Amino acid sequence: MPNAPDSAPGSAQPPHLHDAPSAESFIARWQGADGGERANYGLFLTELCDLIGVPQPNPSQADNAQNDYVFERRVEFMDGDGVVRHGFIDLYKRGSFVCETKQGVEKRDEEFLSEQMKAHRAARRTGHGVRGSSGWSESLLKARNQAEQYCHRLPASEGRPPLLLVIDVGYCIEVYSEFSRTGGTYVPFPEPRTHRILLAQLADPAVRQRLRKVWQEPMSLDPSQHSARVTCEIADKLGRLAKKLEEAKHPPQAVAEFLMRCLFTMFAEDVNLIPLRSFQTFLESQRGNLVAFPNALQMLWRIMDTGGYFPGQGFMSVPSLKRFNGGLFRNATTLPLNEDQLELLIEAAASDWRDVEPAIFGTLLERALDSFKETDNVLGQSRIILMRSLVFKEVEAFLSIRPDDDKIILAASLLRVASPQISFVHLRGQDKSAKASSKERAGKECAAATGLAGADTA
């Protein structure tokens, strides 16, 4: 795509913002770059800023406190004997990131016979190792450790940046995060399989947008903020749906139980316990078929309780659904919906439930239990015990199918309303030993709170 024409004389221009090269020309220009790191890194990062549409770094000032976005930002280290020495951050942006660069080289397979050509190859710059080799990986790890040391040596008044970048000039950008900014360990972002952005991936507008946020809105990348936003949106939809159903004279406990089963089904499809988007597709197929909807949904839940084949839209390609043997679907009672209420349910199902805070399950359970507590009789108290038991057993069923930390988090969240001593355990970003101990503790809390021993949390 051609660059936009220059602005008219006198028009306002953002400082240090230059015409952006096309992604294709940027990739072609830097592909295979394997010269010296010090010779290339400044130019590469400057042109990368142009590509992603952010201002270029500022000139460095003598007053280090003013160097909030510069190359070669000075930091001080205190040796054990009290001597102060200096290090220099390749690129620093206050409140955003510390960036360290390296320069790998491509592997060359040609074999030279003449002494002159062998000598010529030996004289070439070798950078920080052949890309993909153990030496290259070690150099990137050293760069990450060095960047993390720089983060800890920044003045306390500036705070620690939420992100850390390690760049092999002309080859890849690695992103690490520590969004709490409290001195914790920087971990691969968004996760270990996708934290490395290869040069060719810069052709993707979504990747460039992510890097733009790294520069300008780093905290918007914090998964907890995204999770909280998605949870609020879904909670709002389900809250409005619950209110409409109660206004239609359905008992509050029936509404809560119905929505609880809907939520578990939405969650199950997004963690592949039932086919991905199967429940959403099923709900969409019920548009214009509202009379038959309650019976169709009831059939689905009965089959989820026993296991087997369900012939509805979204499920027909699956020979048999897994059995959810916790008992939550044993009562497969459904409620009739109007067109607007069905659309609210479809919108909730369209969300990615992996991004939803598990506490939303506990909120609905609490709503159901509150409705039971309004009755002082033995029947009301029995319903409370039964509801807690069913929910816990269903969590157990999830654990037995796919035991992982998120289900323990879900179990702890669900059972907070059952016992005040249960804590919400957030396990992401901890080391393995911390995860193991937190996981074991959460499992014991869940079992103790319900009086149900023997939950499999291994």
Protein backbone atom coordinates (compact mmCIF):
# COMPACT_ATOMS: atom_id res chain seq x y z
CA MET A 1 0.00 0.00 0.00
CA PRO A 2 1.52 3.40 -0.93
CA ASN A 3 2.31 5.82 1.85
CA ALA A 4 -0.15 8.60 2.52
CA PRO A 5 0.79 11.94 0.89
CA ASP A 6 2.71 14.42 3.01
CA SER A 7 0.62 16.79 5.08
CA ALA A 8 0.16 20.32 3.92
CA PRO A 9 2.75 22.86 5.11
CA GLY A 10 2.04 24.10 8.60
CA SER A 11 -0.20 21.17 9.56
CA ALA A 12 0.34 19.66 13.00
CA GLN A 13 2.43 16.49 13.12
CA PRO A 14 2.96 14.25 16.16
CA PRO A 15 6.59 14.55 17.30
CA HIS A 16 8.98 11.93 15.95
CA LEU A 17 6.20 10.19 13.99
CA HIS A 18 7.30 9.34 10.46
CA ASP A 19 5.71 7.81 7.40
CA ALA A 20 5.27 4.10 7.98
CA PRO A 21 6.96 1.64 5.62
CA SER A 22 4.87 -1.22 4.35
CA ALA A 23 5.21 -4.43 6.33
CA GLU A 24 6.43 -6.21 3.21
CA SER A 25 9.24 -3.71 2.58
CA PHE A 26 10.27 -3.76 6.26
CA ILE A 27 10.44 -7.56 6.32
CA ALA A 28 12.36 -7.69 3.02
CA ARG A 29 14.83 -5.06 4.23
CA TRP A 30 15.66 -6.82 7.51
CA GLN A 31 15.31 -10.46 6.51
CA GLY A 32 18.61 -12.22 6.91
CA ALA A 33 20.27 -9.33 8.76
CA ASP A 34 23.28 -10.80 10.55
CA GLY A 35 25.76 -7.99 10.97
CA GLY A 36 26.83 -6.56 14.31
CA GLU A 37 24.20 -5.92 16.98
CA ARG A 38 25.53 -2.46 17.86
CA ALA A 39 25.54 -1.47 14.21
CA ASN A 40 21.97 -2.56 13.53
CA TYR A 41 19.79 -2.43 16.61
CA GLY A 42 19.12 1.33 16.71
CA LEU A 43 18.12 1.50 13.06
CA PHE A 44 15.98 -1.64 13.34
CA LEU A 45 14.06 -0.34 16.35
CA THR A 46 13.60 3.11 14.83
CA GLU A 47 12.13 1.62 11.65
CA LEU A 48 10.02 -0.79 13.73
CA CYS A 49 8.50 2.24 15.49
CA ASP A 50 7.58 3.68 12.09
CA LEU A 51 6.06 0.37 11.03
CA ILE A 52 3.78 0.03 14.06
CA GLY A 53 2.88 3.72 14.08
CA VAL A 54 4.48 4.95 17.31
CA PRO A 55 6.90 7.86 17.90
CA GLN A 56 10.61 7.19 17.58
CA PRO A 57 12.79 7.36 20.72
CA ASN A 58 13.84 10.78 22.00
CA PRO A 59 17.38 12.19 22.12
CA SER A 60 19.14 11.33 25.36
CA GLN A 61 19.50 14.08 28.01
CA ALA A 62 22.29 14.73 30.50
CA ASP A 63 19.70 14.55 33.30
CA ASN A 64 18.94 10.82 33.46
CA ALA A 65 15.53 11.47 35.07
CA GLN A 66 14.39 13.01 31.78
CA ASN A 67 15.37 9.93 29.75
CA ASP A 68 11.94 8.31 29.74
CA TYR A 69 12.11 6.98 26.14
CA VAL A 70 15.65 6.67 24.84
CA PHE A 71 18.34 4.38 23.54
CA GLU A 72 21.19 3.53 25.93
CA ARG A 73 19.41 4.51 29.15
CA ARG A 74 21.98 4.48 31.97
CA VAL A 75 21.33 2.45 35.14
CA GLU A 76 23.55 2.12 38.20
CA PHE A 77 24.79 -1.08 39.86
CA MET A 78 26.40 -1.26 43.27
CA ASP A 79 29.19 -3.83 43.59
CA GLY A 80 29.72 -5.79 46.79
CA ASP A 81 32.65 -3.53 47.71
CA GLY A 82 30.50 -0.40 47.31
CA VAL A 83 31.79 0.63 43.88
CA VAL A 84 29.15 2.02 41.53
CA ARG A 85 29.22 0.79 37.95
CA HIS A 86 26.91 1.55 35.05
CA GLY A 87 24.92 -0.51 32.60
CA PHE A 88 22.99 0.69 29.57
CA ILE A 89 19.51 -0.43 28.46
CA ASP A 90 19.38 -0.77 24.68
CA LEU A 91 15.91 0.86 24.57
CA TYR A 92 13.87 2.04 27.53
CA LYS A 93 10.32 3.39 27.66
CA ARG A 94 9.19 4.39 31.13
CA GLY A 95 6.02 2.60 32.23
CA SER A 96 6.18 0.29 29.22
CA PHE A 97 9.31 -1.85 28.75
CA VAL A 98 13.00 -2.54 28.97
CA CYS A 99 14.42 -3.86 25.69
CA GLU A 100 17.67 -5.76 25.16
CA THR A 101 18.89 -6.77 21.71
CA LYS A 102 21.11 -9.49 20.26
CA GLN A 103 22.15 -10.37 16.73
CA GLY A 104 22.02 -13.97 15.57
CA VAL A 105 23.17 -15.30 12.21
CA GLU A 106 21.65 -17.72 9.73
CA LYS A 107 23.21 -21.13 9.24
CA ARG A 108 25.20 -21.42 6.01
CA ASP A 109 25.57 -24.84 4.46
CA GLU A 110 28.02 -24.01 1.68
CA GLU A 111 31.34 -25.84 1.80
CA PHE A 112 34.39 -23.95 0.56
CA LEU A 113 37.45 -25.72 -0.77
CA SER A 114 39.85 -22.83 -1.29
CA GLU A 115 41.79 -21.43 1.62
CA GLN A 116 40.88 -17.88 0.57
CA MET A 117 37.11 -18.52 0.81
CA LYS A 118 37.51 -20.41 4.09
CA ALA A 119 39.42 -17.44 5.50
CA HIS A 120 36.75 -15.06 4.16
CA ARG A 121 33.96 -17.01 5.91
CA ALA A 122 35.95 -17.17 9.15
CA ALA A 123 36.34 -13.38 9.05
CA ARG A 124 32.58 -12.78 8.82
CA ARG A 125 30.78 -11.52 11.90
CA THR A 126 29.30 -14.45 13.80
CA GLY A 127 26.90 -12.45 15.96
CA HIS A 128 25.46 -14.21 19.01
CA GLY A 129 25.23 -17.69 17.57
CA VAL A 130 23.56 -19.50 14.70
CA ARG A 131 19.79 -19.06 15.00
CA GLY A 132 18.17 -22.15 16.42
CA SER A 133 21.38 -23.40 18.02
CA SER A 134 21.92 -23.88 21.75
CA GLY A 135 24.43 -21.03 21.75
CA TRP A 136 21.86 -18.68 20.23
CA SER A 137 19.18 -19.72 22.73
CA GLU A 138 21.64 -19.17 25.56
CA SER A 139 22.44 -15.66 24.30
CA LEU A 140 18.73 -14.74 24.28
CA LEU A 141 18.34 -16.13 27.81
CA LYS A 142 21.29 -14.03 28.96
CA ALA A 143 19.69 -10.98 27.34
CA ARG A 144 16.46 -11.66 29.19
CA ASN A 145 18.28 -12.03 32.53
CA GLN A 146 20.22 -8.84 31.86
CA ALA A 147 17.02 -6.96 31.01
CA GLU A 148 15.40 -8.22 34.21
CA GLN A 149 18.38 -6.99 36.24
CA TYR A 150 18.00 -3.58 34.61
CA CYS A 151 14.31 -3.55 35.59
CA HIS A 152 15.27 -4.08 39.23
CA ARG A 153 17.93 -1.33 39.09
CA LEU A 154 15.60 1.39 37.81
CA PRO A 155 14.83 4.19 40.30
CA ALA A 156 11.90 3.32 42.58
CA SER A 157 10.21 6.59 41.57
CA GLU A 158 9.88 5.30 38.01
CA GLY A 159 8.41 1.93 38.95
CA ARG A 160 9.12 -1.31 37.17
CA PRO A 161 7.89 -1.63 33.58
CA PRO A 162 5.20 -4.27 32.97
CA LEU A 163 6.97 -5.68 29.89
CA LEU A 164 10.40 -6.86 28.88
CA LEU A 165 11.52 -7.27 25.26
CA VAL A 166 14.37 -9.41 23.93
CA ILE A 167 15.07 -8.88 20.23
CA ASP A 168 17.24 -10.74 17.76
CA VAL A 169 17.63 -7.93 15.26
CA GLY A 170 15.98 -8.84 11.97
CA TYR A 171 14.67 -12.17 13.21
CA CYS A 172 12.37 -12.16 16.24
CA ILE A 173 10.91 -10.22 19.18
CA GLU A 174 10.32 -12.01 22.49
CA VAL A 175 7.84 -10.50 24.95
CA TYR A 176 7.78 -11.13 28.72
CA SER A 177 5.36 -9.65 31.26
CA GLU A 178 5.01 -8.91 34.97
CA PHE A 179 1.83 -6.88 35.16
CA SER A 180 1.74 -6.61 38.95
CA ARG A 181 4.93 -4.49 38.73
CA THR A 182 5.90 -5.61 42.22
CA GLY A 183 9.23 -7.26 41.47
CA GLY A 184 7.99 -10.68 40.39
CA THR A 185 9.45 -12.85 37.66
CA TYR A 186 8.81 -11.85 34.05
CA VAL A 187 7.04 -14.70 32.23
CA PRO A 188 6.47 -15.32 28.50
CA PHE A 189 3.57 -13.24 27.15
CA PRO A 190 0.90 -14.08 26.17
CA GLU A 191 2.12 -17.64 26.80
CA PRO A 192 5.26 -19.70 26.09
CA ARG A 193 4.15 -20.96 22.67
CA THR A 194 3.37 -17.51 21.24
CA HIS A 195 5.64 -15.07 23.09
CA ARG A 196 8.18 -15.06 20.22
CA ILE A 197 7.12 -12.89 17.27
CA LEU A 198 9.02 -13.81 14.11
CA LEU A 199 9.90 -11.14 11.56
CA ALA A 200 7.45 -12.53 8.98
CA GLN A 201 4.58 -12.26 11.49
CA LEU A 202 4.84 -8.47 11.35
CA ALA A 203 2.80 -8.73 8.13
CA ASP A 204 -0.20 -9.50 10.35
CA PRO A 205 -2.06 -6.29 11.40
CA ALA A 206 -3.07 -7.94 14.70
CA VAL A 207 0.59 -8.52 15.60
CA ARG A 208 1.47 -4.91 14.79
CA GLN A 209 -1.48 -3.76 16.91
CA ARG A 210 -0.21 -5.86 19.83
CA LEU A 211 3.23 -4.26 19.54
CA ARG A 212 1.62 -0.82 19.35
CA LYS A 213 0.00 -1.56 22.71
CA VAL A 214 3.38 -2.71 24.06
CA TRP A 215 4.66 0.79 23.31
CA GLN A 216 1.61 2.90 24.16
CA GLU A 217 -0.89 0.95 26.31
CA PRO A 218 1.03 -1.90 27.95
CA MET A 219 -1.41 -2.41 30.84
CA SER A 220 -4.26 -2.95 28.37
CA LEU A 221 -2.55 -6.27 27.58
CA ASP A 222 -2.94 -7.49 31.17
CA PRO A 223 -5.08 -10.66 30.92
CA SER A 224 -6.70 -9.95 34.29
CA GLN A 225 -8.10 -6.67 32.95
CA HIS A 226 -9.42 -8.43 29.87
CA SER A 227 -10.84 -11.22 32.01
CA ALA A 228 -12.55 -8.74 34.34
CA ARG A 229 -14.04 -6.87 31.37
CA VAL A 230 -15.38 -10.04 29.74
CA THR A 231 -16.75 -11.26 33.07
CA CYS A 232 -18.56 -7.96 33.67
CA GLU A 233 -20.10 -8.08 30.20
CA ILE A 234 -21.33 -11.64 30.66
CA ALA A 235 -22.51 -11.02 34.21
CA ASP A 236 -24.53 -8.07 32.94
CA LYS A 237 -26.19 -10.18 30.22
CA LEU A 238 -26.97 -13.04 32.58
CA GLY A 239 -28.17 -10.67 35.28
CA ARG A 240 -30.63 -9.09 32.87
CA LEU A 241 -31.75 -12.52 31.71
CA ALA A 242 -32.24 -13.71 35.30
CA LYS A 243 -34.31 -10.61 36.07
CA LYS A 244 -36.52 -11.13 33.01
CA LEU A 245 -37.11 -14.78 33.90
CA GLU A 246 -38.02 -13.92 37.48
CA GLU A 247 -40.37 -11.20 36.20
CA ALA A 248 -42.04 -13.96 34.20
CA LYS A 249 -42.93 -15.58 37.56
CA HIS A 250 -40.30 -18.35 37.43
CA PRO A 251 -39.02 -19.19 40.95
CA PRO A 252 -35.59 -17.62 41.66
CA GLN A 253 -34.02 -20.99 42.49
CA ALA A 254 -35.29 -22.48 39.22
CA VAL A 255 -33.82 -19.51 37.33
CA ALA A 256 -30.44 -19.85 39.11
CA GLU A 257 -30.26 -23.61 38.52
CA PHE A 258 -31.21 -23.17 34.85
CA LEU A 259 -28.53 -20.51 34.32
CA MET A 260 -25.96 -22.57 36.24
CA ARG A 261 -26.44 -25.47 33.83
CA CYS A 262 -26.22 -23.05 30.89
CA LEU A 263 -22.95 -21.60 32.24
CA PHE A 264 -21.38 -25.01 32.79
CA THR A 265 -22.34 -26.00 29.24
CA MET A 266 -20.81 -22.80 27.79
CA PHE A 267 -17.65 -23.36 29.82
CA ALA A 268 -17.48 -27.02 28.73
CA GLU A 269 -17.57 -26.13 25.03
CA ASP A 270 -14.76 -23.57 25.34
CA VAL A 271 -12.42 -26.03 27.10
CA ASN A 272 -13.28 -28.78 24.58
CA LEU A 273 -15.17 -31.05 26.97
CA ILE A 274 -17.91 -30.88 24.36
CA PRO A 275 -17.21 -29.79 20.77
CA LEU A 276 -16.03 -26.19 20.36
CA ARG A 277 -18.95 -23.78 19.71
CA SER A 278 -21.39 -26.71 19.75
CA PHE A 279 -23.68 -25.21 22.40
CA GLN A 280 -23.60 -21.80 20.71
CA THR A 281 -24.52 -23.43 17.37
CA PHE A 282 -27.32 -25.35 19.06
CA LEU A 283 -28.74 -22.16 20.59
CA GLU A 284 -28.55 -20.35 17.25
CA SER A 285 -30.46 -23.22 15.60
CA GLN A 286 -33.36 -22.61 18.01
CA ARG A 287 -34.16 -19.18 16.56
CA GLY A 288 -37.72 -19.32 15.29
CA ASN A 289 -38.23 -22.61 17.11
CA LEU A 290 -38.92 -21.35 20.63
CA VAL A 291 -41.79 -23.76 21.31
CA ALA A 292 -39.52 -26.79 20.89
CA PHE A 293 -36.50 -25.16 22.58
CA PRO A 294 -37.14 -26.34 26.19
CA ASN A 295 -37.54 -29.99 25.17
CA ALA A 296 -34.49 -29.89 22.90
CA LEU A 297 -32.29 -28.37 25.62
CA GLN A 298 -33.63 -30.84 28.17
CA MET A 299 -32.64 -33.72 25.87
CA LEU A 300 -29.10 -32.31 25.56
CA TRP A 301 -28.66 -32.05 29.32
CA ARG A 302 -30.05 -35.54 29.94
CA ILE A 303 -27.50 -36.94 27.48
CA MET A 304 -24.71 -34.93 29.16
CA ASP A 305 -25.77 -36.59 32.42
CA THR A 306 -25.62 -40.11 30.99
CA GLY A 307 -23.31 -39.81 27.97
CA GLY A 308 -24.36 -40.70 24.45
CA TYR A 309 -25.32 -39.31 21.07
CA PHE A 310 -27.23 -36.01 20.75
CA PRO A 311 -28.74 -35.31 17.31
CA GLY A 312 -28.99 -31.51 17.67
CA GLN A 313 -27.20 -28.87 15.57
CA GLY A 314 -23.55 -28.51 16.58
CA PHE A 315 -23.34 -32.04 18.01
CA MET A 316 -24.23 -34.35 15.13
CA SER A 317 -20.59 -34.92 14.14
CA VAL A 318 -19.79 -36.37 17.57
CA PRO A 319 -20.52 -40.10 18.00
CA SER A 320 -20.98 -39.78 21.76
CA LEU A 321 -20.77 -37.03 24.37
CA LYS A 322 -18.79 -37.60 27.56
CA ARG A 323 -20.78 -38.31 30.67
CA PHE A 324 -20.83 -35.46 33.20
CA ASN A 325 -21.40 -37.60 36.25
CA GLY A 326 -21.43 -34.94 38.97
CA GLY A 327 -25.23 -34.80 39.04
CA LEU A 328 -25.73 -31.15 38.02
CA PHE A 329 -27.44 -32.26 34.79
CA ARG A 330 -29.50 -34.98 36.44
CA ASN A 331 -32.17 -32.36 36.98
CA ALA A 332 -32.48 -31.27 33.35
CA THR A 333 -35.35 -28.85 33.93
CA THR A 334 -35.37 -25.99 31.42
CA LEU A 335 -37.30 -22.73 31.15
CA PRO A 336 -39.15 -21.33 28.13
CA LEU A 337 -37.49 -18.28 26.59
CA ASN A 338 -38.74 -15.54 24.31
CA GLU A 339 -36.74 -14.33 21.32
CA ASP A 340 -34.93 -11.56 23.24
CA GLN A 341 -33.99 -13.89 26.12
CA LEU A 342 -32.63 -16.49 23.68
CA GLU A 343 -30.48 -13.83 22.03
CA LEU A 344 -29.03 -12.85 25.41
CA LEU A 345 -28.09 -16.49 25.99
CA ILE A 346 -26.51 -16.72 22.51
CA GLU A 347 -24.46 -13.56 23.16
CA ALA A 348 -23.20 -15.04 26.44
CA ALA A 349 -22.32 -18.32 24.72
CA ALA A 350 -20.39 -16.44 22.01
CA SER A 351 -17.89 -15.17 24.61
CA ASP A 352 -14.71 -17.12 25.21
CA TRP A 353 -15.36 -18.66 28.61
CA ARG A 354 -11.67 -19.32 29.12
CA ASP A 355 -11.45 -15.54 29.71
CA VAL A 356 -14.24 -15.50 32.29
CA GLU A 357 -13.42 -15.24 35.99
CA PRO A 358 -14.64 -18.48 37.61
CA ALA A 359 -16.16 -16.44 40.44
CA ILE A 360 -19.18 -15.87 38.17
CA PHE A 361 -20.19 -19.48 38.91
CA GLY A 362 -20.05 -18.75 42.63
CA THR A 363 -22.17 -15.63 42.15
CA LEU A 364 -24.97 -17.63 40.55
CA LEU A 365 -24.70 -20.34 43.19
CA GLU A 366 -24.95 -17.69 45.90
CA ARG A 367 -28.05 -16.30 44.19
CA ALA A 368 -29.61 -19.75 44.28
CA LEU A 369 -28.67 -20.37 47.92
CA ASP A 370 -30.01 -16.97 48.98
CA SER A 371 -33.38 -17.89 47.51
CA PHE A 372 -33.37 -21.12 49.53
CA LYS A 373 -32.38 -19.32 52.74
CA GLU A 374 -35.56 -17.26 52.55
CA THR A 375 -37.39 -20.40 53.76
CA ASP A 376 -36.74 -21.54 57.32
CA ASN A 377 -38.14 -25.01 56.89
CA VAL A 378 -36.20 -28.26 56.65
CA LEU A 379 -36.96 -28.54 52.93
CA GLY A 380 -35.20 -25.21 52.22
CA GLN A 381 -32.10 -26.24 54.17
CA SER A 382 -32.06 -29.60 52.42
CA ARG A 383 -32.10 -27.82 49.03
CA ILE A 384 -29.04 -25.80 50.08
CA ILE A 385 -27.10 -28.94 51.02
CA LEU A 386 -28.17 -30.68 47.82
CA MET A 387 -27.18 -27.73 45.61
CA ARG A 388 -23.73 -27.48 47.19
CA SER A 389 -23.25 -31.21 46.83
CA LEU A 390 -24.28 -31.24 43.16
CA VAL A 391 -22.03 -28.31 42.25
CA PHE A 392 -19.05 -29.82 44.05
CA LYS A 393 -19.60 -33.21 42.41
CA GLU A 394 -19.84 -31.56 39.00
CA VAL A 395 -16.51 -29.84 39.65
CA GLU A 396 -15.13 -33.24 40.61
CA ALA A 397 -16.40 -34.53 37.28
CA PHE A 398 -14.54 -31.76 35.45
CA LEU A 399 -11.41 -32.63 37.38
CA SER A 400 -11.69 -36.30 36.52
CA ILE A 401 -11.98 -35.53 32.80
CA ARG A 402 -9.29 -32.87 32.56
CA PRO A 403 -7.35 -32.36 35.78
CA ASP A 404 -5.58 -29.01 35.66
CA ASP A 405 -5.13 -25.93 37.77
CA ASP A 406 -7.99 -23.94 36.26
CA LYS A 407 -10.55 -26.48 37.47
CA ILE A 408 -9.15 -26.28 41.00
CA ILE A 409 -9.51 -22.49 40.77
CA LEU A 410 -13.08 -23.01 39.60
CA ALA A 411 -13.80 -25.43 42.46
CA ALA A 412 -12.42 -23.02 45.07
CA SER A 413 -14.42 -20.16 43.57
CA LEU A 414 -17.65 -22.14 43.49
CA LEU A 415 -17.32 -23.23 47.07
CA ARG A 416 -16.46 -19.85 48.57
CA VAL A 417 -20.15 -19.47 49.33
CA ALA A 418 -20.15 -22.84 51.10
CA SER A 419 -17.44 -21.92 53.59
CA PRO A 420 -15.94 -18.53 54.51
CA GLN A 421 -12.42 -19.92 54.88
CA ILE A 422 -12.08 -20.86 51.19
CA SER A 423 -9.74 -18.51 49.38
CA PHE A 424 -9.68 -17.70 45.69
CA VAL A 425 -6.42 -19.23 44.48
CA HIS A 426 -4.87 -17.71 41.35
CA LEU A 427 -2.17 -20.06 40.07
CA ARG A 428 -1.05 -18.56 36.76
CA GLY A 429 2.49 -17.25 36.65
CA GLN A 430 3.75 -19.19 39.69
CA ASP A 431 6.58 -21.69 39.64
CA LYS A 432 5.85 -25.40 39.65
CA SER A 433 6.40 -25.91 43.37
CA ALA A 434 4.07 -23.02 44.22
CA LYS A 435 1.46 -24.36 41.82
CA ALA A 436 1.65 -27.82 43.32
CA SER A 437 1.26 -26.60 46.89
CA SER A 438 -1.52 -24.14 46.00
CA LYS A 439 -3.31 -26.80 44.01
CA GLU A 440 -3.12 -29.31 46.88
CA ARG A 441 -4.25 -26.68 49.40
CA ALA A 442 -7.22 -25.60 47.24
CA GLY A 443 -8.29 -29.20 46.77
CA LYS A 444 -8.20 -29.82 50.55
CA GLU A 445 -10.17 -26.62 51.17
CA CYS A 446 -12.83 -27.71 48.67
CA ALA A 447 -13.15 -31.15 50.24
CA ALA A 448 -13.20 -29.81 53.80
CA ALA A 449 -15.81 -27.17 53.01
CA THR A 450 -18.32 -29.69 51.73
CA GLY A 451 -17.48 -32.62 53.95
CA LEU A 452 -16.84 -34.66 50.80
CA ALA A 453 -13.50 -36.40 51.13
CA GLY A 454 -11.45 -37.92 48.37
CA ALA A 455 -11.66 -35.24 45.66
CA ASP A 456 -9.07 -36.12 43.03
CA THR A 457 -6.84 -33.07 42.78
CA ALA A 458 -3.77 -34.84 41.49
